[in-house]
């Protein structure tokens, strides 16, 4: 007696074949994990306000050593992963971050002509490292925008310089929904995919009211 075998479907829908992106840049295809291409993070200019020295190396930029108060402005948390071009985490690499205070003023000699006041409680920079899994995290203040020339206001952004054992990247991170993004010459010199690689979105609010955003950085691999 022959046993009738069930028919095998040959027209599997794309929703089954490709069910989504998994952590670490993996795509699920027919139950197997296949490495997906990573979008490289676009590079941008260092700018004129790179810190003359990194006096503080802790992850909380909202206070300074010996200070008793927190910097003015909205406290935010930024975290993410540093990845290589194959979506593999890059552990133990160095990150330098720097930014303007909540009023758009840098603690830098080149910004001495800025009419906005300095915030003596704001660290304004940090030098941190990724852990073994490529993760990083820091606490800071939502940066203010500032005029950069005639008819040009720079949107809120944070500068990053990333150094790994095989690659480096200097770039700037922008905030989704910032009013001056659409008119920024630097951001809009990039294509849509490159622009999107520099945008952070707040995806969670901590129990203490601090908004958090994830900004993953993907480095080109030689």
N, C-alpha and C. Protein backbone atom coordinates (compact mmCIF):
# COMPACT_ATOMS: atom_id res chain seq x y z
N UNK A 1 0.84 -1.20 0.00
CA UNK A 1 0.00 0.00 0.00
C UNK A 1 0.88 1.25 0.00
N UNK A 2 0.65 2.12 -0.95
CA UNK A 2 1.43 3.34 -1.04
C UNK A 2 0.86 4.42 -0.12
N UNK A 3 1.79 5.11 0.54
CA UNK A 3 1.40 6.21 1.42
C UNK A 3 1.51 7.51 0.64
N UNK A 4 0.44 8.25 0.58
CA UNK A 4 0.42 9.51 -0.16
C UNK A 4 1.10 10.60 0.66
N UNK A 5 2.15 11.14 0.09
CA UNK A 5 2.89 12.18 0.78
C UNK A 5 2.25 13.55 0.51
N UNK A 6 2.27 14.42 1.50
CA UNK A 6 1.68 15.75 1.30
C UNK A 6 2.49 16.54 0.27
N UNK A 7 1.79 17.34 -0.49
CA UNK A 7 2.44 18.15 -1.51
C UNK A 7 3.34 19.20 -0.84
N UNK A 8 4.45 19.45 -1.51
CA UNK A 8 5.39 20.45 -1.01
C UNK A 8 5.14 21.76 -1.73
N UNK A 9 4.91 22.80 -0.98
CA UNK A 9 4.65 24.10 -1.60
C UNK A 9 5.90 24.61 -2.28
N UNK A 10 5.75 25.12 -3.49
CA UNK A 10 6.89 25.64 -4.24
C UNK A 10 6.86 27.15 -4.36
N UNK A 11 5.73 27.76 -4.04
CA UNK A 11 5.61 29.22 -4.16
C UNK A 11 5.55 29.87 -2.78
N UNK A 12 6.64 29.74 -2.03
CA UNK A 12 6.70 30.28 -0.68
C UNK A 12 6.73 31.79 -0.77
N UNK A 13 5.94 32.44 0.05
CA UNK A 13 5.88 33.90 0.01
C UNK A 13 7.17 34.51 0.52
N UNK A 14 7.41 35.72 0.05
CA UNK A 14 8.63 36.43 0.49
C UNK A 14 8.61 36.69 1.97
N UNK A 15 7.43 36.84 2.54
CA UNK A 15 7.36 37.09 3.98
C UNK A 15 7.88 35.91 4.77
N UNK A 16 7.79 34.68 4.18
CA UNK A 16 8.32 33.51 4.86
C UNK A 16 9.81 33.36 4.57
N UNK A 17 10.20 33.59 3.31
CA UNK A 17 11.60 33.45 2.92
C UNK A 17 12.48 34.43 3.67
N UNK A 18 12.05 35.69 3.71
CA UNK A 18 12.79 36.71 4.43
C UNK A 18 11.88 37.25 5.52
N UNK A 19 12.11 36.81 6.73
CA UNK A 19 11.19 37.16 7.80
C UNK A 19 11.62 38.37 8.60
N UNK A 20 12.86 38.82 8.39
CA UNK A 20 13.27 40.03 9.13
C UNK A 20 14.74 40.02 9.43
N UNK A 21 15.16 41.15 9.95
CA UNK A 21 16.55 41.32 10.33
C UNK A 21 16.73 40.93 11.79
N UNK A 22 17.73 40.12 12.05
CA UNK A 22 18.03 39.70 13.41
C UNK A 22 19.19 40.53 13.92
N UNK A 23 19.50 40.37 15.20
CA UNK A 23 20.61 41.11 15.78
C UNK A 23 21.92 40.76 15.09
N UNK A 24 22.81 41.75 14.99
CA UNK A 24 24.11 41.54 14.39
C UNK A 24 24.09 41.48 12.89
N UNK A 25 23.02 41.99 12.25
CA UNK A 25 22.99 42.06 10.80
C UNK A 25 22.67 40.74 10.13
N UNK A 26 21.96 39.83 10.82
CA UNK A 26 21.60 38.56 10.24
C UNK A 26 20.18 38.58 9.72
N UNK A 27 19.97 37.98 8.55
CA UNK A 27 18.64 37.86 7.98
C UNK A 27 18.23 36.40 8.00
N UNK A 28 17.00 36.12 8.38
CA UNK A 28 16.49 34.76 8.43
C UNK A 28 15.93 34.38 7.07
N UNK A 29 16.52 33.38 6.41
CA UNK A 29 16.08 32.92 5.10
C UNK A 29 15.86 31.42 5.17
N UNK A 30 14.60 30.97 5.02
CA UNK A 30 14.25 29.56 5.07
C UNK A 30 14.82 28.88 6.32
N UNK A 31 14.75 29.61 7.45
CA UNK A 31 15.20 29.04 8.70
C UNK A 31 16.70 29.10 8.92
N UNK A 32 17.44 29.65 7.95
CA UNK A 32 18.88 29.75 8.10
C UNK A 32 19.29 31.22 8.24
N UNK A 33 20.33 31.47 8.99
CA UNK A 33 20.82 32.82 9.17
C UNK A 33 21.84 33.14 8.08
N UNK A 34 21.58 34.22 7.36
CA UNK A 34 22.45 34.65 6.27
C UNK A 34 22.93 36.06 6.58
N UNK A 35 24.22 36.33 6.42
CA UNK A 35 24.78 37.63 6.74
C UNK A 35 24.24 38.70 5.79
N UNK A 36 23.69 39.76 6.32
CA UNK A 36 23.17 40.86 5.52
C UNK A 36 24.23 41.94 5.38
N UNK A 37 24.14 42.70 4.29
CA UNK A 37 25.08 43.79 4.08
C UNK A 37 24.80 44.91 5.07
N UNK A 38 25.86 45.49 5.61
CA UNK A 38 25.71 46.60 6.55
C UNK A 38 25.86 47.92 5.82
N UNK A 39 25.12 48.90 6.28
CA UNK A 39 25.24 50.25 5.74
C UNK A 39 26.33 50.97 6.51
N UNK A 40 27.35 51.41 5.82
CA UNK A 40 28.46 52.11 6.48
C UNK A 40 27.99 53.46 6.99
N UNK A 41 28.50 53.87 8.12
CA UNK A 41 28.21 55.19 8.67
C UNK A 41 29.00 56.23 7.87
N UNK A 42 28.32 57.26 7.42
CA UNK A 42 28.96 58.29 6.60
C UNK A 42 29.95 59.10 7.43
N UNK A 43 31.05 59.49 6.82
CA UNK A 43 32.01 60.36 7.48
C UNK A 43 31.63 61.82 7.30
N UNK A 44 32.03 62.64 8.26
CA UNK A 44 31.82 64.08 8.16
C UNK A 44 33.02 64.83 8.74
N UNK A 45 33.06 66.13 8.49
CA UNK A 45 34.19 66.95 8.90
C UNK A 45 34.34 66.98 10.42
N UNK A 46 35.58 67.06 10.85
CA UNK A 46 35.87 67.19 12.29
C UNK A 46 35.38 68.52 12.83
N UNK A 47 35.46 69.56 12.03
CA UNK A 47 35.04 70.88 12.47
C UNK A 47 36.12 71.58 13.26
N UNK A 48 35.90 72.84 13.61
CA UNK A 48 36.95 73.65 14.27
C UNK A 48 37.00 73.52 15.79
N UNK A 49 36.12 72.70 16.39
CA UNK A 49 36.01 72.70 17.85
C UNK A 49 36.46 71.39 18.49
N UNK A 50 37.35 70.66 17.81
CA UNK A 50 37.91 69.46 18.42
C UNK A 50 38.62 69.85 19.72
N UNK A 51 38.36 69.16 20.81
CA UNK A 51 38.91 69.57 22.11
C UNK A 51 40.43 69.71 22.09
N UNK A 52 40.90 70.75 22.72
CA UNK A 52 42.34 70.96 22.82
C UNK A 52 42.98 69.91 23.73
N UNK A 53 42.21 69.38 24.66
CA UNK A 53 42.63 68.26 25.49
C UNK A 53 41.40 67.60 26.09
N UNK A 54 41.54 66.31 26.38
CA UNK A 54 40.44 65.57 27.01
C UNK A 54 40.78 65.42 28.49
N UNK A 55 40.27 66.38 29.26
CA UNK A 55 40.56 66.39 30.69
C UNK A 55 39.73 65.35 31.44
N UNK A 56 38.57 65.01 30.90
CA UNK A 56 37.66 64.07 31.57
C UNK A 56 37.50 62.84 30.69
N UNK A 57 37.48 61.68 31.29
CA UNK A 57 37.36 60.44 30.53
C UNK A 57 36.18 59.58 30.98
N UNK A 58 35.33 60.11 31.88
CA UNK A 58 34.17 59.33 32.32
C UNK A 58 33.04 59.47 31.30
N UNK A 59 31.99 58.67 31.47
CA UNK A 59 30.92 58.61 30.48
C UNK A 59 29.80 59.62 30.75
N UNK A 60 29.89 60.37 31.84
CA UNK A 60 28.86 61.36 32.18
C UNK A 60 29.40 62.76 31.88
N UNK A 61 28.92 63.34 30.78
CA UNK A 61 29.39 64.66 30.36
C UNK A 61 28.62 65.79 31.03
N UNK A 62 27.64 65.46 31.86
CA UNK A 62 26.79 66.50 32.46
C UNK A 62 27.35 67.07 33.75
N UNK A 63 28.47 66.54 34.20
CA UNK A 63 29.13 67.07 35.40
C UNK A 63 30.63 67.16 35.15
N UNK A 64 31.31 67.95 35.96
CA UNK A 64 32.77 68.07 35.87
C UNK A 64 33.38 67.68 37.21
N UNK A 65 34.62 67.27 37.16
CA UNK A 65 35.31 66.87 38.40
C UNK A 65 35.36 68.03 39.38
N UNK A 66 34.94 67.76 40.60
CA UNK A 66 34.94 68.79 41.63
C UNK A 66 33.71 69.67 41.63
N UNK A 67 32.84 69.51 40.62
CA UNK A 67 31.63 70.32 40.55
C UNK A 67 30.54 69.79 41.46
N UNK A 68 29.60 70.66 41.76
CA UNK A 68 28.51 70.27 42.65
C UNK A 68 27.15 70.32 41.97
N UNK A 69 27.10 70.79 40.72
CA UNK A 69 25.83 70.93 40.01
C UNK A 69 25.91 70.26 38.66
N UNK A 70 24.74 69.97 38.11
CA UNK A 70 24.67 69.37 36.79
C UNK A 70 24.51 70.46 35.74
N UNK A 71 24.99 70.18 34.54
CA UNK A 71 24.88 71.15 33.45
C UNK A 71 23.42 71.45 33.13
N UNK A 72 23.18 72.64 32.59
CA UNK A 72 21.82 73.02 32.20
C UNK A 72 21.39 72.33 30.92
N UNK A 73 20.09 72.20 30.76
CA UNK A 73 19.56 71.57 29.55
C UNK A 73 18.99 70.19 29.83
N UNK A 74 18.47 69.56 28.77
CA UNK A 74 17.87 68.23 28.89
C UNK A 74 18.96 67.16 28.91
N UNK A 75 18.94 66.33 29.93
CA UNK A 75 19.88 65.20 30.03
C UNK A 75 19.38 64.07 29.14
N UNK A 76 20.28 63.51 28.32
CA UNK A 76 19.94 62.40 27.44
C UNK A 76 21.01 61.32 27.56
N UNK A 77 20.65 60.12 27.12
CA UNK A 77 21.60 59.01 27.09
C UNK A 77 21.74 58.52 25.65
N UNK A 78 22.98 58.36 25.19
CA UNK A 78 23.26 57.83 23.86
C UNK A 78 24.05 56.54 24.04
N UNK A 79 23.63 55.49 23.35
CA UNK A 79 24.35 54.23 23.39
C UNK A 79 24.28 53.58 22.02
N UNK A 80 25.06 52.54 21.84
CA UNK A 80 25.04 51.85 20.55
C UNK A 80 26.16 50.85 20.45
N UNK A 81 26.38 50.38 19.23
CA UNK A 81 27.43 49.42 18.94
C UNK A 81 28.32 49.97 17.84
N UNK A 82 29.59 49.63 17.91
CA UNK A 82 30.50 49.86 16.79
C UNK A 82 30.65 48.53 16.05
N UNK A 83 30.39 48.55 14.76
CA UNK A 83 30.40 47.35 13.93
C UNK A 83 31.37 47.51 12.78
N UNK A 84 31.80 46.38 12.20
CA UNK A 84 32.58 46.45 10.99
C UNK A 84 31.65 46.26 9.79
N UNK A 85 32.21 46.26 8.60
CA UNK A 85 31.39 46.18 7.39
C UNK A 85 30.64 44.88 7.20
N UNK A 86 30.95 43.89 8.04
CA UNK A 86 30.22 42.62 8.00
C UNK A 86 29.28 42.49 9.19
N UNK A 87 28.99 43.61 9.83
CA UNK A 87 28.07 43.66 10.97
C UNK A 87 28.60 42.93 12.20
N UNK A 88 29.90 42.75 12.27
CA UNK A 88 30.50 42.13 13.45
C UNK A 88 30.87 43.22 14.45
N UNK A 89 30.62 43.02 15.74
CA UNK A 89 30.98 44.03 16.74
C UNK A 89 32.48 44.25 16.82
N UNK A 90 32.86 45.49 17.07
CA UNK A 90 34.27 45.84 17.20
C UNK A 90 34.53 46.20 18.65
N UNK A 91 35.11 45.30 19.37
CA UNK A 91 35.38 45.53 20.78
C UNK A 91 36.66 46.31 21.02
N UNK A 92 36.71 46.96 22.16
CA UNK A 92 37.92 47.65 22.62
C UNK A 92 38.44 48.70 21.64
N UNK A 93 37.52 49.43 21.00
CA UNK A 93 37.96 50.56 20.18
C UNK A 93 37.67 51.85 20.93
N UNK A 94 38.35 52.91 20.55
CA UNK A 94 38.27 54.18 21.26
C UNK A 94 37.31 55.14 20.56
N UNK A 95 36.51 55.82 21.37
CA UNK A 95 35.61 56.86 20.87
C UNK A 95 35.90 58.17 21.57
N UNK A 96 35.97 59.22 20.80
CA UNK A 96 36.02 60.58 21.34
C UNK A 96 34.76 61.29 20.88
N UNK A 97 34.07 61.92 21.81
CA UNK A 97 32.85 62.65 21.49
C UNK A 97 32.96 64.06 22.05
N UNK A 98 32.42 65.02 21.31
CA UNK A 98 32.41 66.41 21.78
C UNK A 98 31.24 67.14 21.15
N UNK A 99 30.80 68.22 21.81
CA UNK A 99 29.59 68.90 21.37
C UNK A 99 29.46 70.27 22.02
N UNK A 100 28.49 71.04 21.52
CA UNK A 100 28.13 72.32 22.13
C UNK A 100 27.24 72.07 23.35
N UNK A 101 27.16 73.06 24.22
CA UNK A 101 26.26 72.94 25.36
C UNK A 101 24.80 73.18 24.91
N UNK A 102 23.90 73.25 25.86
CA UNK A 102 22.47 73.34 25.52
C UNK A 102 22.11 74.63 24.80
N UNK A 103 22.99 75.63 24.88
CA UNK A 103 22.74 76.92 24.23
C UNK A 103 23.53 77.07 22.93
N UNK A 104 24.24 76.02 22.52
CA UNK A 104 24.98 76.07 21.27
C UNK A 104 26.37 76.65 21.37
N UNK A 105 26.99 76.60 22.55
CA UNK A 105 28.34 77.14 22.76
C UNK A 105 29.31 76.01 23.08
N UNK A 106 30.46 76.02 22.38
CA UNK A 106 31.52 75.06 22.65
C UNK A 106 32.49 75.63 23.69
N UNK A 107 33.01 74.77 24.53
CA UNK A 107 34.07 75.17 25.46
C UNK A 107 35.40 75.05 24.73
N UNK A 108 35.61 75.96 23.80
CA UNK A 108 36.79 75.90 22.92
C UNK A 108 37.21 77.32 22.56
N UNK A 109 38.51 77.60 22.50
CA UNK A 109 38.96 78.96 22.18
C UNK A 109 38.43 79.49 20.85
N UNK A 110 38.21 78.60 19.88
CA UNK A 110 37.73 79.04 18.57
C UNK A 110 36.27 79.49 18.58
N UNK A 111 35.57 79.23 19.69
CA UNK A 111 34.17 79.64 19.79
C UNK A 111 34.02 80.83 20.74
N UNK A 112 35.08 81.56 20.95
CA UNK A 112 35.04 82.68 21.89
C UNK A 112 34.16 83.83 21.40
N UNK A 113 33.90 83.89 20.11
CA UNK A 113 33.03 84.94 19.58
C UNK A 113 31.55 84.64 19.71
N UNK A 114 31.21 83.47 20.20
CA UNK A 114 29.82 83.07 20.40
C UNK A 114 29.23 83.88 21.56
N UNK A 115 28.08 84.50 21.32
CA UNK A 115 27.46 85.35 22.35
C UNK A 115 26.79 84.56 23.47
N UNK A 116 26.58 83.25 23.25
CA UNK A 116 25.95 82.44 24.29
C UNK A 116 26.96 82.13 25.39
N UNK A 117 26.50 82.00 26.63
CA UNK A 117 27.42 81.76 27.75
C UNK A 117 27.94 80.33 27.79
N UNK A 118 29.12 80.17 28.37
CA UNK A 118 29.64 78.85 28.68
C UNK A 118 28.87 78.26 29.86
N UNK A 119 28.84 76.95 29.92
CA UNK A 119 28.26 76.26 31.08
C UNK A 119 29.42 75.58 31.80
N UNK A 120 29.82 76.13 32.93
CA UNK A 120 30.99 75.62 33.64
C UNK A 120 30.74 74.25 34.26
N UNK A 121 29.49 73.81 34.28
CA UNK A 121 29.17 72.48 34.80
C UNK A 121 29.13 71.42 33.70
N UNK A 122 29.33 71.85 32.46
CA UNK A 122 29.23 70.91 31.33
C UNK A 122 30.62 70.49 30.88
N UNK A 123 30.83 69.19 30.86
CA UNK A 123 32.11 68.63 30.46
C UNK A 123 32.37 68.88 28.97
N UNK A 124 31.38 68.64 28.15
CA UNK A 124 31.48 68.97 26.73
C UNK A 124 32.23 67.99 25.86
N UNK A 125 32.88 66.99 26.47
CA UNK A 125 33.63 66.01 25.71
C UNK A 125 33.80 64.75 26.57
N UNK A 126 34.13 63.67 25.90
CA UNK A 126 34.40 62.41 26.62
C UNK A 126 35.28 61.53 25.74
N UNK A 127 36.08 60.73 26.39
CA UNK A 127 36.88 59.71 25.70
C UNK A 127 36.53 58.38 26.34
N UNK A 128 35.91 57.51 25.56
CA UNK A 128 35.39 56.26 26.08
C UNK A 128 35.82 55.11 25.17
N UNK A 129 35.54 53.87 25.59
CA UNK A 129 35.89 52.69 24.81
C UNK A 129 34.69 51.77 24.70
N UNK A 130 34.65 50.99 23.63
CA UNK A 130 33.62 49.96 23.53
C UNK A 130 34.04 48.76 24.37
N UNK A 131 33.05 48.00 24.83
CA UNK A 131 33.37 46.79 25.57
C UNK A 131 33.66 45.65 24.59
N UNK A 132 33.76 44.44 25.11
CA UNK A 132 34.09 43.27 24.28
C UNK A 132 33.06 43.06 23.18
N UNK A 133 31.80 43.42 23.44
CA UNK A 133 30.73 43.24 22.46
C UNK A 133 30.52 44.45 21.56
N UNK A 134 31.44 45.41 21.61
CA UNK A 134 31.33 46.57 20.74
C UNK A 134 30.37 47.64 21.23
N UNK A 135 29.89 47.52 22.48
CA UNK A 135 28.91 48.46 23.01
C UNK A 135 29.58 49.67 23.64
N UNK A 136 28.91 50.82 23.53
CA UNK A 136 29.34 52.03 24.21
C UNK A 136 28.11 52.75 24.77
N UNK A 137 28.35 53.70 25.66
CA UNK A 137 27.26 54.45 26.28
C UNK A 137 27.82 55.71 26.92
N UNK A 138 27.07 56.81 26.82
CA UNK A 138 27.44 58.01 27.58
C UNK A 138 26.20 58.84 27.87
N UNK A 139 26.31 59.69 28.89
CA UNK A 139 25.26 60.60 29.30
C UNK A 139 25.69 62.02 28.93
N UNK A 140 24.78 62.80 28.36
CA UNK A 140 25.14 64.15 27.97
C UNK A 140 23.92 65.06 28.02
N UNK A 141 24.07 66.25 27.46
CA UNK A 141 23.00 67.24 27.37
C UNK A 141 22.59 67.36 25.91
N UNK A 142 21.31 67.51 25.66
CA UNK A 142 20.86 67.73 24.29
C UNK A 142 21.50 69.03 23.79
N UNK A 143 22.30 68.96 22.72
CA UNK A 143 23.06 70.14 22.29
C UNK A 143 22.18 71.18 21.60
N UNK A 144 22.54 72.44 21.78
CA UNK A 144 21.82 73.51 21.12
C UNK A 144 22.31 73.73 19.70
N UNK A 145 21.50 74.35 18.89
CA UNK A 145 21.90 74.74 17.54
C UNK A 145 22.61 76.09 17.62
N UNK A 146 23.29 76.47 16.53
CA UNK A 146 24.03 77.74 16.55
C UNK A 146 24.26 78.22 15.11
N UNK A 147 24.40 79.53 14.91
CA UNK A 147 24.66 80.06 13.56
C UNK A 147 26.08 79.73 13.12
N UNK A 148 26.21 79.30 11.86
CA UNK A 148 27.52 78.95 11.32
C UNK A 148 27.88 79.81 10.11
N UNK A 149 27.04 80.76 9.77
CA UNK A 149 27.28 81.62 8.63
C UNK A 149 25.98 82.27 8.19
N UNK A 150 26.06 83.04 7.12
CA UNK A 150 24.86 83.70 6.60
C UNK A 150 23.84 82.65 6.15
N UNK A 151 22.64 82.74 6.69
CA UNK A 151 21.55 81.84 6.32
C UNK A 151 21.86 80.36 6.61
N UNK A 152 22.68 80.13 7.61
CA UNK A 152 23.02 78.75 7.95
C UNK A 152 23.06 78.59 9.46
N UNK A 153 22.16 77.78 9.97
CA UNK A 153 22.15 77.44 11.39
C UNK A 153 22.42 75.95 11.50
N UNK A 154 23.47 75.61 12.21
CA UNK A 154 23.81 74.21 12.39
C UNK A 154 22.81 73.56 13.34
N UNK A 155 22.25 72.41 12.94
CA UNK A 155 21.30 71.72 13.83
C UNK A 155 22.01 71.08 15.00
N UNK A 156 21.24 70.65 15.97
CA UNK A 156 21.80 69.93 17.12
C UNK A 156 22.56 68.70 16.62
N UNK A 157 23.79 68.52 17.09
CA UNK A 157 24.59 67.38 16.65
C UNK A 157 25.69 67.10 17.67
N UNK A 158 26.25 65.91 17.59
CA UNK A 158 27.37 65.49 18.43
C UNK A 158 28.46 64.93 17.52
N UNK A 159 29.70 65.33 17.77
CA UNK A 159 30.84 64.86 16.99
C UNK A 159 31.36 63.54 17.55
N UNK A 160 31.76 62.65 16.64
CA UNK A 160 32.36 61.36 17.01
C UNK A 160 33.67 61.17 16.24
N UNK A 161 34.67 60.67 16.93
CA UNK A 161 35.89 60.17 16.28
C UNK A 161 36.13 58.78 16.82
N UNK A 162 36.13 57.79 15.92
CA UNK A 162 36.23 56.39 16.31
C UNK A 162 37.52 55.81 15.76
N UNK A 163 38.28 55.15 16.62
CA UNK A 163 39.54 54.51 16.22
C UNK A 163 39.49 53.05 16.62
N UNK A 164 39.62 52.16 15.63
CA UNK A 164 39.70 50.73 15.91
C UNK A 164 41.07 50.22 15.46
N UNK A 165 41.27 48.94 15.61
CA UNK A 165 42.58 48.36 15.26
C UNK A 165 42.82 48.35 13.75
N UNK A 166 41.79 48.53 12.96
CA UNK A 166 41.98 48.45 11.51
C UNK A 166 41.34 49.60 10.74
N UNK A 167 40.57 50.45 11.41
CA UNK A 167 39.86 51.50 10.70
C UNK A 167 39.56 52.67 11.63
N UNK A 168 39.24 53.81 11.04
CA UNK A 168 38.88 54.99 11.82
C UNK A 168 37.78 55.75 11.10
N UNK A 169 37.07 56.57 11.84
CA UNK A 169 35.96 57.35 11.27
C UNK A 169 35.76 58.60 12.10
N UNK A 170 35.61 59.73 11.41
CA UNK A 170 35.19 60.97 12.04
C UNK A 170 33.84 61.35 11.45
N UNK A 171 32.86 61.63 12.30
CA UNK A 171 31.53 61.92 11.79
C UNK A 171 30.74 62.77 12.78
N UNK A 172 29.50 63.03 12.45
CA UNK A 172 28.61 63.80 13.32
C UNK A 172 27.26 63.09 13.38
N UNK A 173 26.68 63.08 14.56
CA UNK A 173 25.38 62.44 14.77
C UNK A 173 24.32 63.52 14.94
N UNK A 174 23.19 63.37 14.24
CA UNK A 174 22.10 64.34 14.27
C UNK A 174 20.86 63.70 14.91
N UNK A 175 19.92 64.54 15.29
CA UNK A 175 18.72 64.08 15.98
C UNK A 175 17.51 64.16 15.06
N UNK A 176 16.76 63.07 15.00
CA UNK A 176 15.56 63.04 14.18
C UNK A 176 14.59 64.13 14.62
N UNK A 177 14.05 64.86 13.65
CA UNK A 177 13.05 65.88 13.94
C UNK A 177 13.61 67.24 14.28
N UNK A 178 14.94 67.40 14.36
CA UNK A 178 15.51 68.71 14.65
C UNK A 178 15.17 69.69 13.53
N UNK A 179 14.74 70.88 13.90
CA UNK A 179 14.17 71.80 12.93
C UNK A 179 15.15 72.27 11.86
N UNK A 180 16.44 72.26 12.15
CA UNK A 180 17.41 72.78 11.18
C UNK A 180 18.08 71.69 10.34
N UNK A 181 17.68 70.44 10.52
CA UNK A 181 18.25 69.35 9.72
C UNK A 181 18.06 69.58 8.22
N UNK A 182 16.86 69.99 7.85
CA UNK A 182 16.53 70.07 6.42
C UNK A 182 17.30 71.14 5.68
N UNK A 183 17.89 72.10 6.39
CA UNK A 183 18.63 73.18 5.73
C UNK A 183 20.13 73.15 6.01
N UNK A 184 20.61 72.07 6.63
CA UNK A 184 22.03 72.01 6.96
C UNK A 184 22.84 71.58 5.74
N UNK A 185 23.83 72.38 5.40
CA UNK A 185 24.63 72.11 4.21
C UNK A 185 25.40 70.80 4.32
N UNK A 186 25.96 70.51 5.48
CA UNK A 186 26.75 69.30 5.63
C UNK A 186 25.89 68.05 5.56
N UNK A 187 24.80 68.04 6.28
CA UNK A 187 23.93 66.87 6.30
C UNK A 187 23.30 66.62 4.93
N UNK A 188 22.89 67.68 4.27
CA UNK A 188 22.18 67.52 3.00
C UNK A 188 23.10 67.40 1.80
N UNK A 189 24.41 67.43 2.03
CA UNK A 189 25.36 67.10 0.96
C UNK A 189 25.43 65.59 0.74
N UNK A 190 24.83 64.83 1.66
CA UNK A 190 24.84 63.37 1.59
C UNK A 190 23.58 62.84 0.90
N UNK A 191 23.67 61.62 0.41
CA UNK A 191 22.50 60.95 -0.13
C UNK A 191 21.58 60.47 0.98
N UNK A 192 20.37 60.04 0.63
CA UNK A 192 19.39 59.63 1.66
C UNK A 192 19.89 58.54 2.59
N UNK A 193 20.55 57.52 2.06
CA UNK A 193 21.03 56.42 2.89
C UNK A 193 22.14 56.88 3.83
N UNK A 194 23.04 57.72 3.32
CA UNK A 194 24.12 58.24 4.16
C UNK A 194 23.56 59.15 5.25
N UNK A 195 22.59 60.00 4.89
CA UNK A 195 21.97 60.88 5.90
C UNK A 195 21.34 60.05 7.01
N UNK A 196 20.63 59.02 6.62
CA UNK A 196 19.93 58.20 7.61
C UNK A 196 20.91 57.51 8.55
N UNK A 197 22.13 57.23 8.07
CA UNK A 197 23.12 56.57 8.92
C UNK A 197 23.62 57.48 10.03
N UNK A 198 23.30 58.78 9.95
CA UNK A 198 23.77 59.74 10.95
C UNK A 198 22.67 60.25 11.86
N UNK A 199 21.48 59.69 11.73
CA UNK A 199 20.32 60.17 12.51
C UNK A 199 20.06 59.24 13.69
N UNK A 200 19.93 59.82 14.87
CA UNK A 200 19.55 59.05 16.04
C UNK A 200 18.11 59.39 16.40
N UNK A 201 17.37 58.39 16.85
CA UNK A 201 15.98 58.57 17.27
C UNK A 201 15.84 58.11 18.72
N UNK A 202 15.14 58.88 19.50
CA UNK A 202 14.90 58.48 20.89
C UNK A 202 13.84 57.38 20.89
N UNK A 203 14.21 56.22 21.42
CA UNK A 203 13.32 55.07 21.37
C UNK A 203 12.79 54.64 22.74
N UNK A 204 13.27 55.28 23.79
CA UNK A 204 12.86 54.86 25.13
C UNK A 204 13.06 56.01 26.11
N UNK A 205 12.24 56.03 27.16
CA UNK A 205 12.43 56.98 28.26
C UNK A 205 12.65 56.20 29.54
N UNK A 206 13.75 56.46 30.22
CA UNK A 206 14.06 55.75 31.45
C UNK A 206 13.10 56.13 32.56
N UNK A 207 13.14 55.38 33.63
CA UNK A 207 12.25 55.65 34.76
C UNK A 207 12.52 57.01 35.40
N UNK A 208 13.74 57.54 35.22
CA UNK A 208 14.05 58.86 35.77
C UNK A 208 13.77 59.99 34.79
N UNK A 209 13.11 59.65 33.66
CA UNK A 209 12.70 60.68 32.70
C UNK A 209 13.72 60.99 31.62
N UNK A 210 14.88 60.36 31.65
CA UNK A 210 15.92 60.62 30.64
C UNK A 210 15.61 59.85 29.36
N UNK A 211 15.56 60.58 28.24
CA UNK A 211 15.33 59.94 26.95
C UNK A 211 16.62 59.27 26.47
N UNK A 212 16.46 58.11 25.82
CA UNK A 212 17.62 57.36 25.35
C UNK A 212 17.51 57.12 23.85
N UNK A 213 18.65 57.16 23.18
CA UNK A 213 18.70 56.89 21.75
C UNK A 213 19.86 55.97 21.44
N UNK A 214 19.69 55.14 20.40
CA UNK A 214 20.75 54.22 19.99
C UNK A 214 21.34 54.67 18.66
N UNK A 215 22.66 54.79 18.63
CA UNK A 215 23.38 55.21 17.44
C UNK A 215 24.48 54.20 17.17
N UNK A 216 24.23 53.29 16.22
CA UNK A 216 25.22 52.31 15.83
C UNK A 216 26.15 52.91 14.78
N UNK A 217 27.41 52.57 14.87
CA UNK A 217 28.43 53.10 13.98
C UNK A 217 29.07 51.93 13.23
N UNK A 218 28.98 51.94 11.91
CA UNK A 218 29.55 50.87 11.10
C UNK A 218 30.76 51.40 10.34
N UNK A 219 31.90 50.78 10.59
CA UNK A 219 33.17 51.20 10.00
C UNK A 219 33.46 50.42 8.72
N UNK A 220 34.11 51.08 7.78
CA UNK A 220 34.58 50.37 6.59
C UNK A 220 35.75 49.48 6.98
N UNK A 221 35.82 48.31 6.38
CA UNK A 221 36.92 47.40 6.69
C UNK A 221 37.85 47.33 5.50
N UNK A 222 39.16 47.55 5.70
CA UNK A 222 40.10 47.55 4.57
C UNK A 222 40.25 46.17 3.95
